[in-house]
Amino acid sequence: MSENRQHRLEIYEPYDYDGRNPLAVTGKGLIRGANGAFYYLLESEDGPFRIGDQEIRQLLVLPRYASDPPSTMQENSCTVNIELVRSDVTLQPGVVFSYNDVEHWGVGKITLA
């Protein structure tokens, strides 16, 4: 189920990231990883941005600390691990993704806009 909540994603790592920060993103819903964990699917509000040779449209975030349930990413703020969704992949809420679809990238903080 799509939710379309607006968030700000502040990038803490990688330390050498010099793009837009914070990123304006829209939460699209939860998506289960192959490990059974729930990730929060985000889309860039300001259009694609470049990381290396990839044009990124979607990101996945996962609470960095086990004490934060998935709802914290959607409804409040928390520190998150950030996964880049590969540019040739489009993920959908409710559909399991493969680890070949993403690349671990960084750490940040998600907050409601």
PDB file of N, CA and C in Angstrom:
ATOM      1  N   MET A   1       0.835  -1.178   0.000  1.00  0.00           N
ATOM      2  CA  MET A   1       0.000   0.000   0.000  1.00  0.00           C
ATOM      3  C   MET A   1       0.880   1.242   0.000  1.00  0.00           C
ATOM      4  N   SER A   2       0.588   2.163  -0.864  1.00  0.00           N
ATOM      5  CA  SER A   2       1.349   3.398  -1.003  1.00  0.00           C
ATOM      6  C   SER A   2       0.877   4.409   0.024  1.00  0.00           C
ATOM      7  N   GLU A   3       1.800   5.211   0.543  1.00  0.00           N
ATOM      8  CA  GLU A   3       1.408   6.169   1.571  1.00  0.00           C
ATOM      9  C   GLU A   3       1.747   7.615   1.245  1.00  0.00           C
ATOM     10  N   ASN A   4       2.787   7.874   0.489  1.00  0.00           N
ATOM     11  CA  ASN A   4       3.135   9.219   0.030  1.00  0.00           C
ATOM     12  C   ASN A   4       3.339  10.246   1.137  1.00  0.00           C
ATOM     13  N   ARG A   5       4.090   9.880   2.175  1.00  0.00           N
ATOM     14  CA  ARG A   5       4.469  10.831   3.231  1.00  0.00           C
ATOM     15  C   ARG A   5       5.758  11.531   2.844  1.00  0.00           C
ATOM     16  N   GLN A   6       5.817  12.835   3.101  1.00  0.00           N
ATOM     17  CA  GLN A   6       7.025  13.600   2.793  1.00  0.00           C
ATOM     18  C   GLN A   6       7.982  13.559   3.986  1.00  0.00           C
ATOM     19  N   HIS A   7       9.255  13.346   3.651  1.00  0.00           N
ATOM     20  CA  HIS A   7      10.311  13.253   4.657  1.00  0.00           C
ATOM     21  C   HIS A   7      11.534  14.044   4.197  1.00  0.00           C
ATOM     22  N   ARG A   8      12.421  14.242   5.130  1.00  0.00           N
ATOM     23  CA  ARG A   8      13.764  14.742   4.847  1.00  0.00           C
ATOM     24  C   ARG A   8      14.725  13.644   5.277  1.00  0.00           C
ATOM     25  N   LEU A   9      15.676  13.337   4.410  1.00  0.00           N
ATOM     26  CA  LEU A   9      16.686  12.324   4.709  1.00  0.00           C
ATOM     27  C   LEU A   9      18.033  13.020   4.757  1.00  0.00           C
ATOM     28  N   GLU A  10      18.558  13.164   5.966  1.00  0.00           N
ATOM     29  CA  GLU A  10      19.858  13.807   6.173  1.00  0.00           C
ATOM     30  C   GLU A  10      20.931  12.734   6.027  1.00  0.00           C
ATOM     31  N   ILE A  11      21.919  12.998   5.204  1.00  0.00           N
ATOM     32  CA  ILE A  11      22.992  12.031   4.937  1.00  0.00           C
ATOM     33  C   ILE A  11      24.167  12.314   5.868  1.00  0.00           C
ATOM     34  N   TYR A  12      24.501  11.335   6.717  1.00  0.00           N
ATOM     35  CA  TYR A  12      25.676  11.437   7.604  1.00  0.00           C
ATOM     36  C   TYR A  12      26.891  10.759   6.980  1.00  0.00           C
ATOM     37  N   GLU A  13      26.682   9.608   6.379  1.00  0.00           N
ATOM     38  CA  GLU A  13      27.743   8.853   5.711  1.00  0.00           C
ATOM     39  C   GLU A  13      27.199   8.416   4.366  1.00  0.00           C
ATOM     40  N   PRO A  14      27.977   8.302   3.339  1.00  0.00           N
ATOM     41  CA  PRO A  14      29.428   8.432   3.315  1.00  0.00           C
ATOM     42  C   PRO A  14      29.858   9.882   3.551  1.00  0.00           C
ATOM     43  N   TYR A  15      30.970  10.005   4.226  1.00  0.00           N
ATOM     44  CA  TYR A  15      31.472  11.329   4.599  1.00  0.00           C
ATOM     45  C   TYR A  15      31.810  12.184   3.389  1.00  0.00           C
ATOM     46  N   ASP A  16      32.156  11.551   2.272  1.00  0.00           N
ATOM     47  CA  ASP A  16      32.534  12.321   1.079  1.00  0.00           C
ATOM     48  C   ASP A  16      31.341  12.648   0.172  1.00  0.00           C
ATOM     49  N   TYR A  17      30.120  12.332   0.595  1.00  0.00           N
ATOM     50  CA  TYR A  17      28.937  12.680  -0.199  1.00  0.00           C
ATOM     51  C   TYR A  17      28.802  14.191  -0.244  1.00  0.00           C
ATOM     52  N   ASP A  18      28.700  14.739  -1.461  1.00  0.00           N
ATOM     53  CA  ASP A  18      28.618  16.200  -1.601  1.00  0.00           C
ATOM     54  C   ASP A  18      27.402  16.640  -2.420  1.00  0.00           C
ATOM     55  N   GLY A  19      26.395  15.794  -2.483  1.00  0.00           N
ATOM     56  CA  GLY A  19      25.166  16.127  -3.204  1.00  0.00           C
ATOM     57  C   GLY A  19      24.170  16.837  -2.306  1.00  0.00           C
ATOM     58  N   ARG A  20      22.913  16.906  -2.776  1.00  0.00           N
ATOM     59  CA  ARG A  20      21.844  17.534  -1.989  1.00  0.00           C
ATOM     60  C   ARG A  20      21.772  16.905  -0.607  1.00  0.00           C
ATOM     61  N   ASN A  21      21.656  17.746   0.410  1.00  0.00           N
ATOM     62  CA  ASN A  21      21.593  17.241   1.767  1.00  0.00           C
ATOM     63  C   ASN A  21      20.951  18.289   2.657  1.00  0.00           C
ATOM     64  N   PRO A  22      19.792  18.022   3.227  1.00  0.00           N
ATOM     65  CA  PRO A  22      19.089  16.752   3.208  1.00  0.00           C
ATOM     66  C   PRO A  22      18.355  16.531   1.886  1.00  0.00           C
ATOM     67  N   LEU A  23      18.012  15.282   1.632  1.00  0.00           N
ATOM     68  CA  LEU A  23      17.226  14.922   0.455  1.00  0.00           C
ATOM     69  C   LEU A  23      15.741  15.021   0.799  1.00  0.00           C
ATOM     70  N   ALA A  24      14.963  15.601  -0.089  1.00  0.00           N
ATOM     71  CA  ALA A  24      13.509  15.589   0.037  1.00  0.00           C
ATOM     72  C   ALA A  24      13.030  14.289  -0.594  1.00  0.00           C
ATOM     73  N   VAL A  25      12.342  13.460   0.195  1.00  0.00           N
ATOM     74  CA  VAL A  25      11.909  12.152  -0.278  1.00  0.00           C
ATOM     75  C   VAL A  25      10.447  11.914   0.086  1.00  0.00           C
ATOM     76  N   THR A  26       9.826  11.036  -0.675  1.00  0.00           N
ATOM     77  CA  THR A  26       8.455  10.615  -0.410  1.00  0.00           C
ATOM     78  C   THR A  26       8.476   9.150  -0.016  1.00  0.00           C
ATOM     79  N   GLY A  27       7.852   8.836   1.112  1.00  0.00           N
ATOM     80  CA  GLY A  27       7.732   7.457   1.563  1.00  0.00           C
ATOM     81  C   GLY A  27       6.641   6.748   0.783  1.00  0.00           C
ATOM     82  N   LYS A  28       6.977   5.623   0.182  1.00  0.00           N
ATOM     83  CA  LYS A  28       6.030   4.882  -0.643  1.00  0.00           C
ATOM     84  C   LYS A  28       5.442   3.675   0.067  1.00  0.00           C
ATOM     85  N   GLY A  29       6.057   3.232   1.150  1.00  0.00           N
ATOM     86  CA  GLY A  29       5.535   2.088   1.895  1.00  0.00           C
ATOM     87  C   GLY A  29       6.639   1.129   2.288  1.00  0.00           C
ATOM     88  N   LEU A  30       6.260   0.125   3.075  1.00  0.00           N
ATOM     89  CA  LEU A  30       7.223  -0.868   3.540  1.00  0.00           C
ATOM     90  C   LEU A  30       7.397  -1.964   2.496  1.00  0.00           C
ATOM     91  N   ILE A  31       8.598  -2.487   2.473  1.00  0.00           N
ATOM     92  CA  ILE A  31       8.947  -3.540   1.529  1.00  0.00           C
ATOM     93  C   ILE A  31       9.849  -4.529   2.277  1.00  0.00           C
ATOM     94  N   ARG A  32       9.581  -5.800   2.105  1.00  0.00           N
ATOM     95  CA  ARG A  32      10.328  -6.826   2.844  1.00  0.00           C
ATOM     96  C   ARG A  32      11.567  -7.245   2.066  1.00  0.00           C
ATOM     97  N   GLY A  33      12.673  -7.323   2.789  1.00  0.00           N
ATOM     98  CA  GLY A  33      13.906  -7.822   2.201  1.00  0.00           C
ATOM     99  C   GLY A  33      13.962  -9.336   2.282  1.00  0.00           C
ATOM    100  N   ALA A  34      14.891  -9.919   1.583  1.00  0.00           N
ATOM    101  CA  ALA A  34      15.048 -11.371   1.578  1.00  0.00           C
ATOM    102  C   ALA A  34      15.366 -11.900   2.981  1.00  0.00           C
ATOM    103  N   ASN A  35      15.901 -11.042   3.848  1.00  0.00           N
ATOM    104  CA  ASN A  35      16.219 -11.441   5.220  1.00  0.00           C
ATOM    105  C   ASN A  35      15.013 -11.364   6.143  1.00  0.00           C
ATOM    106  N   GLY A  36      13.853 -10.917   5.627  1.00  0.00           N
ATOM    107  CA  GLY A  36      12.640 -10.807   6.416  1.00  0.00           C
ATOM    108  C   GLY A  36      12.437  -9.450   7.061  1.00  0.00           C
ATOM    109  N   ALA A  37      13.455  -8.590   7.036  1.00  0.00           N
ATOM    110  CA  ALA A  37      13.342  -7.251   7.632  1.00  0.00           C
ATOM    111  C   ALA A  37      12.505  -6.342   6.739  1.00  0.00           C
ATOM    112  N   PHE A  38      11.817  -5.396   7.372  1.00  0.00           N
ATOM    113  CA  PHE A  38      11.029  -4.425   6.621  1.00  0.00           C
ATOM    114  C   PHE A  38      11.837  -3.158   6.402  1.00  0.00           C
ATOM    115  N   TYR A  39      11.956  -2.773   5.141  1.00  0.00           N
ATOM    116  CA  TYR A  39      12.625  -1.546   4.723  1.00  0.00           C
ATOM    117  C   TYR A  39      11.548  -0.550   4.318  1.00  0.00           C
ATOM    118  N   TYR A  40      11.897   0.724   4.354  1.00  0.00           N
ATOM    119  CA  TYR A  40      10.975   1.782   3.944  1.00  0.00           C
ATOM    120  C   TYR A  40      11.439   2.279   2.579  1.00  0.00           C
ATOM    121  N   LEU A  41      10.567   2.165   1.586  1.00  0.00           N
ATOM    122  CA  LEU A  41      10.874   2.571   0.221  1.00  0.00           C
ATOM    123  C   LEU A  41      10.644   4.069   0.075  1.00  0.00           C
ATOM    124  N   LEU A  42      11.660   4.778  -0.412  1.00  0.00           N
ATOM    125  CA  LEU A  42      11.609   6.225  -0.601  1.00  0.00           C
ATOM    126  C   LEU A  42      11.890   6.565  -2.051  1.00  0.00           C
ATOM    127  N   GLU A  43      11.248   7.633  -2.542  1.00  0.00           N
ATOM    128  CA  GLU A  43      11.548   8.169  -3.864  1.00  0.00           C
ATOM    129  C   GLU A  43      11.959   9.625  -3.722  1.00  0.00           C
ATOM    130  N   SER A  44      12.936  10.029  -4.505  1.00  0.00           N
ATOM    131  CA  SER A  44      13.415  11.408  -4.484  1.00  0.00           C
ATOM    132  C   SER A  44      12.334  12.348  -5.005  1.00  0.00           C
ATOM    133  N   GLU A  45      12.009  13.394  -4.234  1.00  0.00           N
ATOM    134  CA  GLU A  45      11.018  14.387  -4.661  1.00  0.00           C
ATOM    135  C   GLU A  45      11.573  15.327  -5.721  1.00  0.00           C
ATOM    136  N   ASP A  46      12.885  15.533  -5.697  1.00  0.00           N
ATOM    137  CA  ASP A  46      13.521  16.499  -6.595  1.00  0.00           C
ATOM    138  C   ASP A  46      14.081  15.848  -7.850  1.00  0.00           C
ATOM    139  N   GLY A  47      13.616  14.675  -8.162  1.00  0.00           N
ATOM    140  CA  GLY A  47      14.113  13.981  -9.339  1.00  0.00           C
ATOM    141  C   GLY A  47      15.349  13.169  -9.018  1.00  0.00           C
ATOM    142  N   PRO A  48      15.837  12.424 -10.000  1.00  0.00           N
ATOM    143  CA  PRO A  48      17.007  11.562  -9.788  1.00  0.00           C
ATOM    144  C   PRO A  48      18.242  12.373  -9.407  1.00  0.00           C
ATOM    145  N   PHE A  49      19.142  11.725  -8.685  1.00  0.00           N
ATOM    146  CA  PHE A  49      20.436  12.318  -8.368  1.00  0.00           C
ATOM    147  C   PHE A  49      21.504  11.280  -8.639  1.00  0.00           C
ATOM    148  N   ARG A  50      22.722  11.737  -8.842  1.00  0.00           N
ATOM    149  CA  ARG A  50      23.805  10.838  -9.243  1.00  0.00           C
ATOM    150  C   ARG A  50      24.676  10.436  -8.065  1.00  0.00           C
ATOM    151  N   ILE A  51      24.978   9.152  -8.031  1.00  0.00           N
ATOM    152  CA  ILE A  51      25.974   8.592  -7.122  1.00  0.00           C
ATOM    153  C   ILE A  51      26.891   7.771  -8.019  1.00  0.00           C
ATOM    154  N   GLY A  52      28.102   8.246  -8.202  1.00  0.00           N
ATOM    155  CA  GLY A  52      29.010   7.573  -9.128  1.00  0.00           C
ATOM    156  C   GLY A  52      28.416   7.573 -10.517  1.00  0.00           C
ATOM    157  N   ASP A  53      28.301   6.391 -11.132  1.00  0.00           N
ATOM    158  CA  ASP A  53      27.748   6.305 -12.482  1.00  0.00           C
ATOM    159  C   ASP A  53      26.265   5.931 -12.478  1.00  0.00           C
ATOM    160  N   GLN A  54      25.639   5.926 -11.302  1.00  0.00           N
ATOM    161  CA  GLN A  54      24.226   5.568 -11.215  1.00  0.00           C
ATOM    162  C   GLN A  54      23.334   6.799 -11.042  1.00  0.00           C
ATOM    163  N   GLU A  55      22.189   6.760 -11.679  1.00  0.00           N
ATOM    164  CA  GLU A  55      21.162   7.778 -11.487  1.00  0.00           C
ATOM    165  C   GLU A  55      20.138   7.180 -10.524  1.00  0.00           C
ATOM    166  N   ILE A  56      20.043   7.751  -9.329  1.00  0.00           N
ATOM    167  CA  ILE A  56      19.230   7.178  -8.259  1.00  0.00           C
ATOM    168  C   ILE A  56      17.866   7.852  -8.192  1.00  0.00           C
ATOM    169  N   ARG A  57      16.812   7.049  -8.233  1.00  0.00           N
ATOM    170  CA  ARG A  57      15.437   7.544  -8.081  1.00  0.00           C
ATOM    171  C   ARG A  57      14.814   7.051  -6.786  1.00  0.00           C
ATOM    172  N   GLN A  58      15.233   5.853  -6.350  1.00  0.00           N
ATOM    173  CA  GLN A  58      14.660   5.242  -5.162  1.00  0.00           C
ATOM    174  C   GLN A  58      15.752   4.855  -4.167  1.00  0.00           C
ATOM    175  N   LEU A  59      15.368   4.879  -2.894  1.00  0.00           N
ATOM    176  CA  LEU A  59      16.238   4.466  -1.799  1.00  0.00           C
ATOM    177  C   LEU A  59      15.441   3.549  -0.885  1.00  0.00           C
ATOM    178  N   LEU A  60      16.140   2.719  -0.146  1.00  0.00           N
ATOM    179  CA  LEU A  60      15.531   1.953   0.940  1.00  0.00           C
ATOM    180  C   LEU A  60      16.241   2.350   2.224  1.00  0.00           C
ATOM    181  N   VAL A  61      15.479   2.496   3.297  1.00  0.00           N
ATOM    182  CA  VAL A  61      16.082   2.746   4.602  1.00  0.00           C
ATOM    183  C   VAL A  61      15.590   1.696   5.579  1.00  0.00           C
ATOM    184  N   LEU A  62      16.432   1.427   6.562  1.00  0.00           N
ATOM    185  CA  LEU A  62      16.182   0.427   7.585  1.00  0.00           C
ATOM    186  C   LEU A  62      16.673   1.020   8.896  1.00  0.00           C
ATOM    187  N   PRO A  63      15.892   0.903   9.997  1.00  0.00           N
ATOM    188  CA  PRO A  63      16.383   1.442  11.268  1.00  0.00           C
ATOM    189  C   PRO A  63      17.770   0.893  11.593  1.00  0.00           C
ATOM    190  N   ARG A  64      18.663   1.779  11.973  1.00  0.00           N
ATOM    191  CA  ARG A  64      20.028   1.377  12.303  1.00  0.00           C
ATOM    192  C   ARG A  64      20.075   0.621  13.627  1.00  0.00           C
ATOM    193  N   TYR A  65      19.176   0.953  14.515  1.00  0.00           N
ATOM    194  CA  TYR A  65      19.174   0.346  15.845  1.00  0.00           C
ATOM    195  C   TYR A  65      17.958  -0.559  15.998  1.00  0.00           C
ATOM    196  N   ALA A  66      18.179  -1.756  16.521  1.00  0.00           N
ATOM    197  CA  ALA A  66      17.119  -2.756  16.654  1.00  0.00           C
ATOM    198  C   ALA A  66      15.968  -2.276  17.531  1.00  0.00           C
ATOM    199  N   SER A  67      16.207  -1.308  18.400  1.00  0.00           N
ATOM    200  CA  SER A  67      15.145  -0.818  19.281  1.00  0.00           C
ATOM    201  C   SER A  67      14.116   0.038  18.547  1.00  0.00           C
ATOM    202  N   ASP A  68      14.414   0.451  17.305  1.00  0.00           N
ATOM    203  CA  ASP A  68      13.483   1.257  16.516  1.00  0.00           C
ATOM    204  C   ASP A  68      12.659   0.357  15.602  1.00  0.00           C
ATOM    205  N   PRO A  69      11.330   0.300  15.796  1.00  0.00           N
ATOM    206  CA  PRO A  69      10.492  -0.490  14.886  1.00  0.00           C
ATOM    207  C   PRO A  69      10.353   0.221  13.539  1.00  0.00           C
ATOM    208  N   PRO A  70       9.939  -0.481  12.489  1.00  0.00           N
ATOM    209  CA  PRO A  70       9.784   0.144  11.168  1.00  0.00           C
ATOM    210  C   PRO A  70       8.879   1.377  11.185  1.00  0.00           C
ATOM    211  N   SER A  71       7.870   1.392  12.036  1.00  0.00           N
ATOM    212  CA  SER A  71       6.948   2.536  12.072  1.00  0.00           C
ATOM    213  C   SER A  71       7.648   3.835  12.457  1.00  0.00           C
ATOM    214  N   THR A  72       8.775   3.754  13.172  1.00  0.00           N
ATOM    215  CA  THR A  72       9.514   4.957  13.552  1.00  0.00           C
ATOM    216  C   THR A  72      10.005   5.710  12.317  1.00  0.00           C
ATOM    217  N   MET A  73      10.402   4.972  11.269  1.00  0.00           N
ATOM    218  CA  MET A  73      10.872   5.617  10.031  1.00  0.00           C
ATOM    219  C   MET A  73       9.741   6.383   9.365  1.00  0.00           C
ATOM    220  N   GLN A  74       8.534   5.860   9.460  1.00  0.00           N
ATOM    221  CA  GLN A  74       7.383   6.434   8.773  1.00  0.00           C
ATOM    222  C   GLN A  74       6.741   7.580   9.541  1.00  0.00           C
ATOM    223  N   GLU A  75       6.714   7.484  10.862  1.00  0.00           N
ATOM    224  CA  GLU A  75       5.898   8.381  11.669  1.00  0.00           C
ATOM    225  C   GLU A  75       6.680   9.343  12.550  1.00  0.00           C
ATOM    226  N   ASN A  76       7.972   9.185  12.682  1.00  0.00           N
ATOM    227  CA  ASN A  76       8.738   9.988  13.613  1.00  0.00           C
ATOM    228  C   ASN A  76      10.086  10.306  12.983  1.00  0.00           C
ATOM    229  N   SER A  77      11.152  10.055  13.703  1.00  0.00           N
ATOM    230  CA  SER A  77      12.492  10.208  13.139  1.00  0.00           C
ATOM    231  C   SER A  77      13.386   9.148  13.762  1.00  0.00           C
ATOM    232  N   CYS A  78      14.377   8.729  13.002  1.00  0.00           N
ATOM    233  CA  CYS A  78      15.345   7.770  13.529  1.00  0.00           C
ATOM    234  C   CYS A  78      16.561   7.720  12.611  1.00  0.00           C
ATOM    235  N   THR A  79      17.623   7.179  13.158  1.00  0.00           N
ATOM    236  CA  THR A  79      18.839   6.939  12.389  1.00  0.00           C
ATOM    237  C   THR A  79      18.616   5.692  11.550  1.00  0.00           C
ATOM    238  N   VAL A  80      19.035   5.757  10.287  1.00  0.00           N
ATOM    239  CA  VAL A  80      18.770   4.669   9.347  1.00  0.00           C
ATOM    240  C   VAL A  80      20.020   4.287   8.554  1.00  0.00           C
ATOM    241  N   ASN A  81      20.062   3.030   8.152  1.00  0.00           N
ATOM    242  CA  ASN A  81      20.996   2.577   7.127  1.00  0.00           C
ATOM    243  C   ASN A  81      20.322   2.864   5.792  1.00  0.00           C
ATOM    244  N   ILE A  82      21.108   3.274   4.804  1.00  0.00           N
ATOM    245  CA  ILE A  82      20.568   3.671   3.506  1.00  0.00           C
ATOM    246  C   ILE A  82      21.088   2.729   2.420  1.00  0.00           C
ATOM    247  N   GLU A  83      20.163   2.207   1.634  1.00  0.00           N
ATOM    248  CA  GLU A  83      20.475   1.363   0.482  1.00  0.00           C
ATOM    249  C   GLU A  83      20.068   2.108  -0.785  1.00  0.00           C
ATOM    250  N   LEU A  84      20.916   2.104  -1.783  1.00  0.00           N
ATOM    251  CA  LEU A  84      20.577   2.663  -3.093  1.00  0.00           C
ATOM    252  C   LEU A  84      19.872   1.590  -3.906  1.00  0.00           C
ATOM    253  N   VAL A  85      18.778   1.941  -4.540  1.00  0.00           N
ATOM    254  CA  VAL A  85      18.123   1.024  -5.469  1.00  0.00           C
ATOM    255  C   VAL A  85      18.773   1.238  -6.835  1.00  0.00           C
ATOM    256  N   ARG A  86      19.290   0.186  -7.408  1.00  0.00           N
ATOM    257  CA  ARG A  86      20.005   0.302  -8.689  1.00  0.00           C
ATOM    258  C   ARG A  86      19.137   0.987  -9.740  1.00  0.00           C
ATOM    259  N   SER A  87      19.780   1.749 -10.602  1.00  0.00           N
ATOM    260  CA  SER A  87      19.060   2.586 -11.565  1.00  0.00           C
ATOM    261  C   SER A  87      18.222   1.794 -12.570  1.00  0.00           C
ATOM    262  N   ASP A  88      18.525   0.523 -12.766  1.00  0.00           N
ATOM    263  CA  ASP A  88      17.742  -0.286 -13.714  1.00  0.00           C
ATOM    264  C   ASP A  88      16.632  -1.078 -13.022  1.00  0.00           C
ATOM    265  N   VAL A  89      16.356  -0.761 -11.746  1.00  0.00           N
ATOM    266  CA  VAL A  89      15.357  -1.470 -10.943  1.00  0.00           C
ATOM    267  C   VAL A  89      14.332  -0.467 -10.428  1.00  0.00           C
ATOM    268  N   THR A  90      13.060  -0.854 -10.414  1.00  0.00           N
ATOM    269  CA  THR A  90      12.006  -0.073  -9.769  1.00  0.00           C
ATOM    270  C   THR A  90      11.302  -0.989  -8.787  1.00  0.00           C
ATOM    271  N   LEU A  91      11.379  -0.643  -7.506  1.00  0.00           N
ATOM    272  CA  LEU A  91      10.751  -1.451  -6.471  1.00  0.00           C
ATOM    273  C   LEU A  91       9.342  -0.950  -6.184  1.00  0.00           C
ATOM    274  N   GLN A  92       8.506  -1.849  -5.669  1.00  0.00           N
ATOM    275  CA  GLN A  92       7.121  -1.541  -5.325  1.00  0.00           C
ATOM    276  C   GLN A  92       6.852  -1.974  -3.889  1.00  0.00           C
ATOM    277  N   PRO A  93       6.091  -1.172  -3.114  1.00  0.00           N
ATOM    278  CA  PRO A  93       5.723  -1.594  -1.759  1.00  0.00           C
ATOM    279  C   PRO A  93       5.011  -2.940  -1.786  1.00  0.00           C
ATOM    280  N   GLY A  94       5.310  -3.776  -0.800  1.00  0.00           N
ATOM    281  CA  GLY A  94       4.651  -5.070  -0.698  1.00  0.00           C
ATOM    282  C   GLY A  94       5.278  -6.175  -1.514  1.00  0.00           C
ATOM    283  N   VAL A  95       6.284  -5.857  -2.337  1.00  0.00           N
ATOM    284  CA  VAL A  95       6.942  -6.861  -3.185  1.00  0.00           C
ATOM    285  C   VAL A  95       8.361  -7.072  -2.661  1.00  0.00           C
ATOM    286  N   VAL A  96       8.707  -8.325  -2.375  1.00  0.00           N
ATOM    287  CA  VAL A  96      10.039  -8.651  -1.867  1.00  0.00           C
ATOM    288  C   VAL A  96      11.092  -8.272  -2.903  1.00  0.00           C
ATOM    289  N   PHE A  97      12.205  -7.714  -2.433  1.00  0.00           N
ATOM    290  CA  PHE A  97      13.291  -7.364  -3.346  1.00  0.00           C
ATOM    291  C   PHE A  97      14.478  -8.288  -3.125  1.00  0.00           C
ATOM    292  N   SER A  98      15.351  -8.321  -4.106  1.00  0.00           N
ATOM    293  CA  SER A  98      16.572  -9.113  -4.052  1.00  0.00           C
ATOM    294  C   SER A  98      17.744  -8.207  -3.671  1.00  0.00           C
ATOM    295  N   TYR A  99      18.734  -8.769  -3.017  1.00  0.00           N
ATOM    296  CA  TYR A  99      19.912  -7.965  -2.684  1.00  0.00           C
ATOM    297  C   TYR A  99      20.693  -7.540  -3.915  1.00  0.00           C
ATOM    298  N   ASN A 100      20.441  -8.179  -5.062  1.00  0.00           N
ATOM    299  CA  ASN A 100      21.050  -7.722  -6.308  1.00  0.00           C
ATOM    300  C   ASN A 100      20.407  -6.425  -6.805  1.00  0.00           C
ATOM    301  N   ASP A 101      19.249  -6.058  -6.238  1.00  0.00           N
ATOM    302  CA  ASP A 101      18.538  -4.844  -6.639  1.00  0.00           C
ATOM    303  C   ASP A 101      19.068  -3.593  -5.950  1.00  0.00           C
ATOM    304  N   VAL A 102      19.866  -3.769  -4.890  1.00  0.00           N
ATOM    305  CA  VAL A 102      20.287  -2.638  -4.064  1.00  0.00           C
ATOM    306  C   VAL A 102      21.783  -2.680  -3.787  1.00  0.00           C
ATOM    307  N   GLU A 103      22.273  -1.553  -3.288  1.00  0.00           N
ATOM    308  CA  GLU A 103      23.677  -1.440  -2.901  1.00  0.00           C
ATOM    309  C   GLU A 103      23.739  -0.681  -1.585  1.00  0.00           C
ATOM    310  N   HIS A 104      24.379  -1.280  -0.571  1.00  0.00           N
ATOM    311  CA  HIS A 104      24.512  -0.571   0.705  1.00  0.00           C
ATOM    312  C   HIS A 104      25.320   0.695   0.465  1.00  0.00           C
ATOM    313  N   TRP A 105      24.842   1.804   1.017  1.00  0.00           N
ATOM    314  CA  TRP A 105      25.489   3.069   0.696  1.00  0.00           C
ATOM    315  C   TRP A 105      25.873   3.897   1.897  1.00  0.00           C
ATOM    316  N   GLY A 106      24.992   4.076   2.872  1.00  0.00           N
ATOM    317  CA  GLY A 106      25.334   5.005   3.922  1.00  0.00           C
ATOM    318  C   GLY A 106      24.443   4.942   5.140  1.00  0.00           C
ATOM    319  N   VAL A 107      24.552   6.026   5.915  1.00  0.00           N
ATOM    320  CA  VAL A 107      23.819   6.187   7.172  1.00  0.00           C
ATOM    321  C   VAL A 107      23.258   7.599   7.192  1.00  0.00           C
ATOM    322  N   GLY A 108      22.070   7.746   7.752  1.00  0.00           N
ATOM    323  CA  GLY A 108      21.483   9.077   7.843  1.00  0.00           C
ATOM    324  C   GLY A 108      20.383   9.116   8.875  1.00  0.00           C
ATOM    325  N   LYS A 109      19.606  10.174   8.814  1.00  0.00           N
ATOM    326  CA  LYS A 109      18.476  10.357   9.727  1.00  0.00           C
ATOM    327  C   LYS A 109      17.257  10.761   8.908  1.00  0.00           C
ATOM    328  N   ILE A 110      16.148  10.048   9.132  1.00  0.00           N
ATOM    329  CA  ILE A 110      14.913  10.366   8.448  1.00  0.00           C
ATOM    330  C   ILE A 110      13.980  11.082   9.417  1.00  0.00           C
ATOM    331  N   THR A 111      13.335  12.147   8.942  1.00  0.00           N
ATOM    332  CA  THR A 111      12.360  12.892   9.730  1.00  0.00           C
ATOM    333  C   THR A 111      11.180  13.254   8.829  1.00  0.00           C
ATOM    334  N   LEU A 112      10.012  13.449   9.438  1.00  0.00           N
ATOM    335  CA  LEU A 112       8.866  13.931   8.678  1.00  0.00           C
ATOM    336  C   LEU A 112       9.127  15.355   8.236  1.00  0.00           C
ATOM    337  N   ALA A 113       8.688  15.700   7.049  1.00  0.00           N
ATOM    338  CA  ALA A 113       8.906  17.053   6.530  1.00  0.00           C
ATOM    339  C   ALA A 113       7.906  18.015   7.134  1.00  0.00           C
TER     340      ALA A 113
END
